[in-house]
Amino acid sequence: SSTCWLIQSAETVLQAPYLRKEMFACCCADVVEGELTFQNNLVTAEAVLRPSQPKQAEEPAVGDKEAPAAAGAVEAGPAARIFEVDLEVDNEDTCGIVADISCVAFPIIKEIKGAALAWNNACLLGQEMKVFDRILKVDGEAVTSSNVVDQLETKDKRKLKLMLKRPVETEVVLKKPGQLGITINYKSSSAAIWMATLHEGLAMDWNAQNPDKAFAENDRIIGVNGAKNECRACVDKLRENGDPIILTVLRYS
């Protein structure tokens, strides 16, 4: 059976009756091959924010920001950008791209090395691949999380053509009172948390008020209230029940 976690304020309620410890004293039931496990090696959490202070006057919305220069950063912009890459692999066993396939909806780049890194070092400015880019096609064939690893194998190949999608990094400010309205999933091996479902709450309110910065299911969360690029740290920040909650979101729409 699946396990749903509710993140609340001081009066925390445990939804899994077989776990007797105080909520979030431990964030996993089992560990299998290094991955946090509730069901199918996934951690599922739903954040619920309880009313605290009266809602204050709205501040100007925080929009898309220029991405930081650190490894794995993505470019800001009005829409996700699709581009192609032609790799010279020369019969190497791998093209040098490590894919994150933990989200079944679509794979993204987790690590770049080998022939892929050589491309980045030699390509024109703006054509380099980055961590978090979505992998759309390999050699003209659409790929999924279930087949992308096989498609990226390059044995007996000299070239590999990739179609990628660069997400837009957007800062989202969610203010209480209200439910967060986001169910998140991740594995310990994931490059980032992804949004499994969106439902009524602050998230949908943001999307309605900011349609040009709206996020969707399967978009990634790479930062929460200052914690960034580390899934467990981001979840810990969600548990703190801060106000406001500032999310750094990668939008693929």
C-alpha atoms as a PDB file:
ATOM      1  CA  SER A   1       0.000   0.000   0.000  1.00  0.00           C
ATOM      2  CA  SER A   2       1.146   3.531  -0.695  1.00  0.00           C
ATOM      3  CA  THR A   3       2.206   5.917   2.025  1.00  0.00           C
ATOM      4  CA  CYS A   4       1.181   9.566   2.013  1.00  0.00           C
ATOM      5  CA  TRP A   5       2.959  12.075   4.201  1.00  0.00           C
ATOM      6  CA  LEU A   6       1.278  15.258   5.362  1.00  0.00           C
ATOM      7  CA  ILE A   7       3.511  18.187   6.204  1.00  0.00           C
ATOM      8  CA  GLN A   8       1.745  20.330   8.809  1.00  0.00           C
ATOM      9  CA  SER A   9       2.604  22.773  11.553  1.00  0.00           C
ATOM     10  CA  ALA A  10       3.411  21.784  15.138  1.00  0.00           C
ATOM     11  CA  GLU A  11       0.449  19.406  15.478  1.00  0.00           C
ATOM     12  CA  THR A  12       1.786  16.801  13.046  1.00  0.00           C
ATOM     13  CA  VAL A  13      -0.449  13.866  12.154  1.00  0.00           C
ATOM     14  CA  LEU A  14       1.038  10.582  10.970  1.00  0.00           C
ATOM     15  CA  GLN A  15      -0.944   8.998   8.159  1.00  0.00           C
ATOM     16  CA  ALA A  16       0.924   5.673   8.134  1.00  0.00           C
ATOM     17  CA  PRO A  17      -0.347   3.850  11.274  1.00  0.00           C
ATOM     18  CA  TYR A  18       2.458   1.321  11.285  1.00  0.00           C
ATOM     19  CA  LEU A  19       5.054   4.047  11.869  1.00  0.00           C
ATOM     20  CA  ARG A  20       4.875   5.086  15.524  1.00  0.00           C
ATOM     21  CA  LYS A  21       7.593   7.705  15.655  1.00  0.00           C
ATOM     22  CA  GLU A  22       6.836  11.409  15.554  1.00  0.00           C
ATOM     23  CA  MET A  23       6.235  12.631  12.027  1.00  0.00           C
ATOM     24  CA  PHE A  24       9.459  13.188  10.055  1.00  0.00           C
ATOM     25  CA  ALA A  25      11.672  11.814  12.813  1.00  0.00           C
ATOM     26  CA  CYS A  26      12.507   9.328  10.079  1.00  0.00           C
ATOM     27  CA  CYS A  27      11.701   9.971   6.432  1.00  0.00           C
ATOM     28  CA  CYS A  28      11.836   6.455   5.066  1.00  0.00           C
ATOM     29  CA  ALA A  29      10.397   3.106   5.988  1.00  0.00           C
ATOM     30  CA  ASP A  30      13.068   0.975   4.340  1.00  0.00           C
ATOM     31  CA  VAL A  31      16.256   1.423   2.387  1.00  0.00           C
ATOM     32  CA  VAL A  32      16.753  -0.792  -0.662  1.00  0.00           C
ATOM     33  CA  GLU A  33      19.936  -0.434  -2.709  1.00  0.00           C
ATOM     34  CA  GLY A  34      20.445   3.046  -1.352  1.00  0.00           C
ATOM     35  CA  GLU A  35      17.049   4.364  -2.412  1.00  0.00           C
ATOM     36  CA  LEU A  36      14.389   5.732  -0.071  1.00  0.00           C
ATOM     37  CA  THR A  37      11.451   3.378  -0.130  1.00  0.00           C
ATOM     38  CA  PHE A  38       7.762   3.716   0.563  1.00  0.00           C
ATOM     39  CA  GLN A  39       6.345   2.061  -2.531  1.00  0.00           C
ATOM     40  CA  ASN A  40       8.215   1.257  -5.718  1.00  0.00           C
ATOM     41  CA  ASN A  41      11.272   2.979  -4.220  1.00  0.00           C
ATOM     42  CA  LEU A  42       9.486   6.343  -4.223  1.00  0.00           C
ATOM     43  CA  VAL A  43       9.030   8.851  -1.443  1.00  0.00           C
ATOM     44  CA  THR A  44       5.683  10.610  -1.662  1.00  0.00           C
ATOM     45  CA  ALA A  45       4.914  13.723   0.310  1.00  0.00           C
ATOM     46  CA  GLU A  46       1.985  16.109   0.342  1.00  0.00           C
ATOM     47  CA  ALA A  47       2.512  19.446   2.020  1.00  0.00           C
ATOM     48  CA  VAL A  48      -0.395  21.002   3.919  1.00  0.00           C
ATOM     49  CA  LEU A  49       0.009  24.498   5.318  1.00  0.00           C
ATOM     50  CA  ARG A  50      -2.186  25.412   8.257  1.00  0.00           C
ATOM     51  CA  PRO A  51      -3.490  29.017   8.586  1.00  0.00           C
ATOM     52  CA  SER A  52      -1.262  31.117  10.818  1.00  0.00           C
ATOM     53  CA  GLN A  53      -0.986  34.848  10.221  1.00  0.00           C
ATOM     54  CA  PRO A  54      -3.636  36.857   8.350  1.00  0.00           C
ATOM     55  CA  LYS A  55      -2.840  37.101   4.680  1.00  0.00           C
ATOM     56  CA  GLN A  56      -0.908  40.276   3.959  1.00  0.00           C
ATOM     57  CA  ALA A  57      -1.079  42.518   0.957  1.00  0.00           C
ATOM     58  CA  GLU A  58       0.347  40.855  -2.132  1.00  0.00           C
ATOM     59  CA  GLU A  59       3.904  41.764  -3.070  1.00  0.00           C
ATOM     60  CA  PRO A  60       4.936  41.971  -6.719  1.00  0.00           C
ATOM     61  CA  ALA A  61       5.290  38.485  -8.179  1.00  0.00           C
ATOM     62  CA  VAL A  62       8.804  37.155  -8.527  1.00  0.00           C
ATOM     63  CA  GLY A  63       9.359  36.037 -12.088  1.00  0.00           C
ATOM     64  CA  ASP A  64      11.879  34.148 -14.129  1.00  0.00           C
ATOM     65  CA  LYS A  65      15.449  34.750 -12.991  1.00  0.00           C
ATOM     66  CA  GLU A  66      18.797  34.418 -14.632  1.00  0.00           C
ATOM     67  CA  ALA A  67      20.138  30.991 -13.759  1.00  0.00           C
ATOM     68  CA  PRO A  68      23.173  30.758 -11.456  1.00  0.00           C
ATOM     69  CA  ALA A  69      26.527  29.856 -12.964  1.00  0.00           C
ATOM     70  CA  ALA A  70      26.923  26.654 -10.942  1.00  0.00           C
ATOM     71  CA  ALA A  71      26.972  23.276 -12.656  1.00  0.00           C
ATOM     72  CA  GLY A  72      23.480  22.113 -13.520  1.00  0.00           C
ATOM     73  CA  ALA A  73      22.101  25.640 -13.830  1.00  0.00           C
ATOM     74  CA  VAL A  74      19.585  26.317 -16.583  1.00  0.00           C
ATOM     75  CA  GLU A  75      18.767  29.392 -18.583  1.00  0.00           C
ATOM     76  CA  ALA A  76      15.858  31.664 -17.759  1.00  0.00           C
ATOM     77  CA  GLY A  77      13.492  32.686 -20.535  1.00  0.00           C
ATOM     78  CA  PRO A  78       9.857  32.969 -21.553  1.00  0.00           C
ATOM     79  CA  ALA A  79       9.529  29.368 -22.744  1.00  0.00           C
ATOM     80  CA  ALA A  80      11.401  26.105 -22.764  1.00  0.00           C
ATOM     81  CA  ARG A  81      13.744  25.884 -25.768  1.00  0.00           C
ATOM     82  CA  ILE A  82      14.146  22.836 -28.019  1.00  0.00           C
ATOM     83  CA  PHE A  83      17.496  22.297 -29.718  1.00  0.00           C
ATOM     84  CA  GLU A  84      19.546  19.532 -31.359  1.00  0.00           C
ATOM     85  CA  VAL A  85      23.019  18.156 -30.697  1.00  0.00           C
ATOM     86  CA  ASP A  86      25.170  16.035 -33.033  1.00  0.00           C
ATOM     87  CA  LEU A  87      27.683  14.003 -31.051  1.00  0.00           C
ATOM     88  CA  GLU A  88      30.790  12.385 -32.500  1.00  0.00           C
ATOM     89  CA  VAL A  89      31.029   9.143 -30.515  1.00  0.00           C
ATOM     90  CA  ASP A  90      33.449   7.103 -32.701  1.00  0.00           C
ATOM     91  CA  ASN A  91      32.314   3.667 -31.515  1.00  0.00           C
ATOM     92  CA  GLU A  92      32.637   4.518 -27.839  1.00  0.00           C
ATOM     93  CA  ASP A  93      30.483   2.435 -25.496  1.00  0.00           C
ATOM     94  CA  THR A  94      28.669   5.496 -24.183  1.00  0.00           C
ATOM     95  CA  CYS A  95      27.957   9.032 -25.370  1.00  0.00           C
ATOM     96  CA  GLY A  96      28.739  10.391 -21.917  1.00  0.00           C
ATOM     97  CA  ILE A  97      25.197  11.346 -20.921  1.00  0.00           C
ATOM     98  CA  VAL A  98      23.849   9.883 -17.689  1.00  0.00           C
ATOM     99  CA  ALA A  99      20.053  10.043 -17.733  1.00  0.00           C
ATOM    100  CA  ASP A 100      17.796  10.472 -14.729  1.00  0.00           C
ATOM    101  CA  ILE A 101      14.933   8.043 -15.378  1.00  0.00           C
ATOM    102  CA  SER A 102      13.355   8.112 -11.915  1.00  0.00           C
ATOM    103  CA  CYS A 103      10.341  10.074 -13.199  1.00  0.00           C
ATOM    104  CA  VAL A 104       8.437   7.837 -15.619  1.00  0.00           C
ATOM    105  CA  ALA A 105       6.971  10.829 -17.477  1.00  0.00           C
ATOM    106  CA  PHE A 106      10.233  11.747 -19.192  1.00  0.00           C
ATOM    107  CA  PRO A 107      14.029  11.466 -18.759  1.00  0.00           C
ATOM    108  CA  ILE A 108      16.390  14.356 -18.088  1.00  0.00           C
ATOM    109  CA  ILE A 109      20.166  14.718 -18.142  1.00  0.00           C
ATOM    110  CA  LYS A 110      21.775  14.025 -14.785  1.00  0.00           C
ATOM    111  CA  GLU A 111      25.483  14.027 -15.663  1.00  0.00           C
ATOM    112  CA  ILE A 112      27.632  14.992 -18.658  1.00  0.00           C
ATOM    113  CA  LYS A 113      31.008  13.452 -19.463  1.00  0.00           C
ATOM    114  CA  GLY A 114      32.958  11.793 -22.291  1.00  0.00           C
ATOM    115  CA  ALA A 115      31.802  12.670 -25.809  1.00  0.00           C
ATOM    116  CA  ALA A 116      29.006  14.851 -24.440  1.00  0.00           C
ATOM    117  CA  LEU A 117      31.473  16.906 -22.424  1.00  0.00           C
ATOM    118  CA  ALA A 118      33.723  17.202 -25.483  1.00  0.00           C
ATOM    119  CA  TRP A 119      30.762  18.643 -27.393  1.00  0.00           C
ATOM    120  CA  ASN A 120      30.191  21.209 -24.667  1.00  0.00           C
ATOM    121  CA  ASN A 121      33.834  22.263 -24.753  1.00  0.00           C
ATOM    122  CA  ALA A 122      33.834  22.753 -28.531  1.00  0.00           C
ATOM    123  CA  CYS A 123      30.306  23.912 -29.436  1.00  0.00           C
ATOM    124  CA  LEU A 124      29.102  27.452 -30.086  1.00  0.00           C
ATOM    125  CA  LEU A 125      27.977  29.502 -27.121  1.00  0.00           C
ATOM    126  CA  GLY A 126      24.398  28.626 -26.218  1.00  0.00           C
ATOM    127  CA  GLN A 127      24.501  25.165 -27.820  1.00  0.00           C
ATOM    128  CA  GLU A 128      25.961  23.328 -24.834  1.00  0.00           C
ATOM    129  CA  MET A 129      23.996  20.621 -23.031  1.00  0.00           C
ATOM    130  CA  LYS A 130      23.169  21.104 -19.375  1.00  0.00           C
ATOM    131  CA  VAL A 131      22.055  19.029 -16.436  1.00  0.00           C
ATOM    132  CA  PHE A 132      18.217  19.008 -16.241  1.00  0.00           C
ATOM    133  CA  ASP A 133      17.790  19.243 -20.028  1.00  0.00           C
ATOM    134  CA  ARG A 134      14.945  16.940 -21.087  1.00  0.00           C
ATOM    135  CA  ILE A 135      15.837  14.228 -23.594  1.00  0.00           C
ATOM    136  CA  LEU A 136      13.151  14.243 -26.301  1.00  0.00           C
ATOM    137  CA  LYS A 137      14.633  12.183 -29.128  1.00  0.00           C
ATOM    138  CA  VAL A 138      17.695  10.068 -29.930  1.00  0.00           C
ATOM    139  CA  ASP A 139      18.500   9.599 -33.620  1.00  0.00           C
ATOM    140  CA  GLY A 140      15.042  10.873 -34.533  1.00  0.00           C
ATOM    141  CA  GLU A 141      13.167   8.466 -32.278  1.00  0.00           C
ATOM    142  CA  ALA A 142      11.134   9.747 -29.328  1.00  0.00           C
ATOM    143  CA  VAL A 143      12.405   8.310 -26.051  1.00  0.00           C
ATOM    144  CA  THR A 144      10.899   7.585 -22.668  1.00  0.00           C
ATOM    145  CA  SER A 145      12.366   6.881 -19.258  1.00  0.00           C
ATOM    146  CA  SER A 146      11.995   3.172 -19.976  1.00  0.00           C
ATOM    147  CA  ASN A 147      14.043   3.074 -23.193  1.00  0.00           C
ATOM    148  CA  VAL A 148      16.380   6.075 -23.126  1.00  0.00           C
ATOM    149  CA  VAL A 149      19.305   4.203 -21.573  1.00  0.00           C
ATOM    150  CA  ASP A 150      19.321   1.683 -24.437  1.00  0.00           C
ATOM    151  CA  GLN A 151      18.913   4.446 -27.015  1.00  0.00           C
ATOM    152  CA  LEU A 152      21.934   6.304 -25.636  1.00  0.00           C
ATOM    153  CA  GLU A 153      24.233   3.304 -26.105  1.00  0.00           C
ATOM    154  CA  THR A 154      26.722   4.118 -28.837  1.00  0.00           C
ATOM    155  CA  LYS A 155      28.604   0.883 -29.477  1.00  0.00           C
ATOM    156  CA  ASP A 156      29.168   0.444 -33.237  1.00  0.00           C
ATOM    157  CA  LYS A 157      28.039   4.038 -33.862  1.00  0.00           C
ATOM    158  CA  ARG A 158      30.077   7.021 -34.994  1.00  0.00           C
ATOM    159  CA  LYS A 159      27.441   9.699 -34.452  1.00  0.00           C
ATOM    160  CA  LEU A 160      24.444  10.297 -32.212  1.00  0.00           C
ATOM    161  CA  LYS A 161      21.789  12.950 -32.803  1.00  0.00           C
ATOM    162  CA  LEU A 162      19.888  14.269 -29.780  1.00  0.00           C
ATOM    163  CA  MET A 163      16.866  16.511 -29.476  1.00  0.00           C
ATOM    164  CA  LEU A 164      16.776  18.229 -26.084  1.00  0.00           C
ATOM    165  CA  LYS A 165      14.528  20.673 -24.265  1.00  0.00           C
ATOM    166  CA  ARG A 166      15.983  23.368 -22.023  1.00  0.00           C
ATOM    167  CA  PRO A 167      13.642  24.160 -19.095  1.00  0.00           C
ATOM    168  CA  VAL A 168      12.995  27.635 -17.725  1.00  0.00           C
ATOM    169  CA  GLU A 169      14.042  28.316 -14.143  1.00  0.00           C
ATOM    170  CA  THR A 170      11.321  30.250 -12.334  1.00  0.00           C
ATOM    171  CA  GLU A 171      11.055  31.482  -8.763  1.00  0.00           C
ATOM    172  CA  VAL A 172       7.614  30.839  -7.287  1.00  0.00           C
ATOM    173  CA  VAL A 173       6.446  32.528  -4.069  1.00  0.00           C
ATOM    174  CA  LEU A 174       3.581  30.798  -2.225  1.00  0.00           C
ATOM    175  CA  LYS A 175       2.090  32.578   0.780  1.00  0.00           C
ATOM    176  CA  LYS A 176      -0.063  31.185   3.540  1.00  0.00           C
ATOM    177  CA  PRO A 177      -2.743  30.595   4.623  1.00  0.00           C
ATOM    178  CA  GLY A 178      -3.775  27.637   2.498  1.00  0.00           C
ATOM    179  CA  GLN A 179      -2.753  24.165   1.404  1.00  0.00           C
ATOM    180  CA  LEU A 180       0.332  23.917  -0.763  1.00  0.00           C
ATOM    181  CA  GLY A 181      -1.476  21.712  -3.271  1.00  0.00           C
ATOM    182  CA  ILE A 182       1.547  19.814  -4.589  1.00  0.00           C
ATOM    183  CA  THR A 183       2.348  16.109  -4.278  1.00  0.00           C
ATOM    184  CA  ILE A 184       6.065  15.508  -4.796  1.00  0.00           C
ATOM    185  CA  ASN A 185       8.020  12.387  -5.682  1.00  0.00           C
ATOM    186  CA  TYR A 186      11.710  11.605  -5.779  1.00  0.00           C
ATOM    187  CA  LYS A 187      14.295   8.879  -5.443  1.00  0.00           C
ATOM    188  CA  SER A 188      17.582   9.275  -3.661  1.00  0.00           C
ATOM    189  CA  SER A 189      19.155   8.894  -7.117  1.00  0.00           C
ATOM    190  CA  SER A 190      16.989  11.646  -8.661  1.00  0.00           C
ATOM    191  CA  ALA A 191      18.563  14.814 -10.017  1.00  0.00           C
ATOM    192  CA  ALA A 192      15.596  16.747  -8.602  1.00  0.00           C
ATOM    193  CA  ILE A 193      12.176  16.417  -7.019  1.00  0.00           C
ATOM    194  CA  TRP A 194       9.300  16.312  -9.490  1.00  0.00           C
ATOM    195  CA  MET A 195       5.694  17.376  -9.071  1.00  0.00           C
ATOM    196  CA  ALA A 196       3.565  14.239  -9.275  1.00  0.00           C
ATOM    197  CA  THR A 197       0.187  15.979  -8.969  1.00  0.00           C
ATOM    198  CA  LEU A 198      -1.224  19.454  -8.520  1.00  0.00           C
ATOM    199  CA  HIS A 199      -4.515  20.037  -6.757  1.00  0.00           C
ATOM    200  CA  GLU A 200      -6.493  22.855  -5.178  1.00  0.00           C
ATOM    201  CA  GLY A 201      -4.358  25.140  -3.064  1.00  0.00           C
ATOM    202  CA  LEU A 202      -1.586  27.724  -3.256  1.00  0.00           C
ATOM    203  CA  ALA A 203       0.049  26.101  -6.299  1.00  0.00           C
ATOM    204  CA  MET A 204      -3.075  26.370  -8.449  1.00  0.00           C
ATOM    205  CA  ASP A 205      -3.674  29.883  -7.137  1.00  0.00           C
ATOM    206  CA  TRP A 206      -0.182  30.854  -8.332  1.00  0.00           C
ATOM    207  CA  ASN A 207      -0.820  29.355 -11.767  1.00  0.00           C
ATOM    208  CA  ALA A 208      -4.121  31.214 -12.107  1.00  0.00           C
ATOM    209  CA  GLN A 209      -2.540  34.521 -11.093  1.00  0.00           C
ATOM    210  CA  ASN A 210       0.674  34.004 -13.095  1.00  0.00           C
ATOM    211  CA  PRO A 211      -0.238  32.140 -16.304  1.00  0.00           C
ATOM    212  CA  ASP A 212       3.057  33.094 -17.966  1.00  0.00           C
ATOM    213  CA  LYS A 213       4.951  31.493 -15.077  1.00  0.00           C
ATOM    214  CA  ALA A 214       2.613  28.558 -14.457  1.00  0.00           C
ATOM    215  CA  PHE A 215       4.174  25.188 -13.620  1.00  0.00           C
ATOM    216  CA  ALA A 216       2.787  21.739 -14.319  1.00  0.00           C
ATOM    217  CA  GLU A 217       2.971  18.118 -13.256  1.00  0.00           C
ATOM    218  CA  ASN A 218       6.424  16.588 -13.793  1.00  0.00           C
ATOM    219  CA  ASP A 219       8.160  19.966 -13.605  1.00  0.00           C
ATOM    220  CA  ARG A 220      11.157  19.799 -11.273  1.00  0.00           C
ATOM    221  CA  ILE A 221      11.721  21.580  -7.967  1.00  0.00           C
ATOM    222  CA  ILE A 222      15.428  22.308  -7.459  1.00  0.00           C
ATOM    223  CA  GLY A 223      15.179  24.785  -4.599  1.00  0.00           C
ATOM    224  CA  VAL A 224      13.073  25.510  -1.511  1.00  0.00           C
ATOM    225  CA  ASN A 225      13.688  28.541   0.722  1.00  0.00           C
ATOM    226  CA  GLY A 226      17.420  28.667   0.065  1.00  0.00           C
ATOM    227  CA  ALA A 227      18.120  24.913  -0.136  1.00  0.00           C
ATOM    228  CA  LYS A 228      19.050  23.995  -3.692  1.00  0.00           C
ATOM    229  CA  ASN A 229      20.075  21.077  -5.915  1.00  0.00           C
ATOM    230  CA  GLU A 230      19.630  18.417  -3.198  1.00  0.00           C
ATOM    231  CA  CYS A 231      16.331  16.550  -2.889  1.00  0.00           C
ATOM    232  CA  ARG A 232      16.442  15.753   0.810  1.00  0.00           C
ATOM    233  CA  ALA A 233      17.424  19.315   1.751  1.00  0.00           C
ATOM    234  CA  CYS A 234      14.499  20.666  -0.265  1.00  0.00           C
ATOM    235  CA  VAL A 235      12.070  18.279   1.419  1.00  0.00           C
ATOM    236  CA  ASP A 236      13.432  19.302   4.832  1.00  0.00           C
ATOM    237  CA  LYS A 237      12.669  22.919   3.960  1.00  0.00           C
ATOM    238  CA  LEU A 238       9.109  21.994   3.005  1.00  0.00           C
ATOM    239  CA  ARG A 239       8.721  20.307   6.384  1.00  0.00           C
ATOM    240  CA  GLU A 240       9.711  23.512   8.152  1.00  0.00           C
ATOM    241  CA  ASN A 241       6.380  24.985   7.082  1.00  0.00           C
ATOM    242  CA  GLY A 242       7.872  28.414   6.373  1.00  0.00           C
ATOM    243  CA  ASP A 243       5.964  31.439   5.170  1.00  0.00           C
ATOM    244  CA  PRO A 244       6.373  32.276   2.410  1.00  0.00           C
ATOM    245  CA  ILE A 245       7.509  29.128   0.623  1.00  0.00           C
ATOM    246  CA  ILE A 246       9.863  30.108  -2.197  1.00  0.00           C
ATOM    247  CA  LEU A 247      10.282  27.380  -4.813  1.00  0.00           C
ATOM    248  CA  THR A 248      12.850  27.304  -7.590  1.00  0.00           C
ATOM    249  CA  VAL A 249      11.027  25.436 -10.349  1.00  0.00           C
ATOM    250  CA  LEU A 250      12.210  24.117 -13.711  1.00  0.00           C
ATOM    251  CA  ARG A 251       9.324  24.497 -16.169  1.00  0.00           C
ATOM    252  CA  TYR A 252       9.322  22.217 -19.221  1.00  0.00           C
ATOM    253  CA  SER A 253       6.035  23.411 -20.750  1.00  0.00           C
END
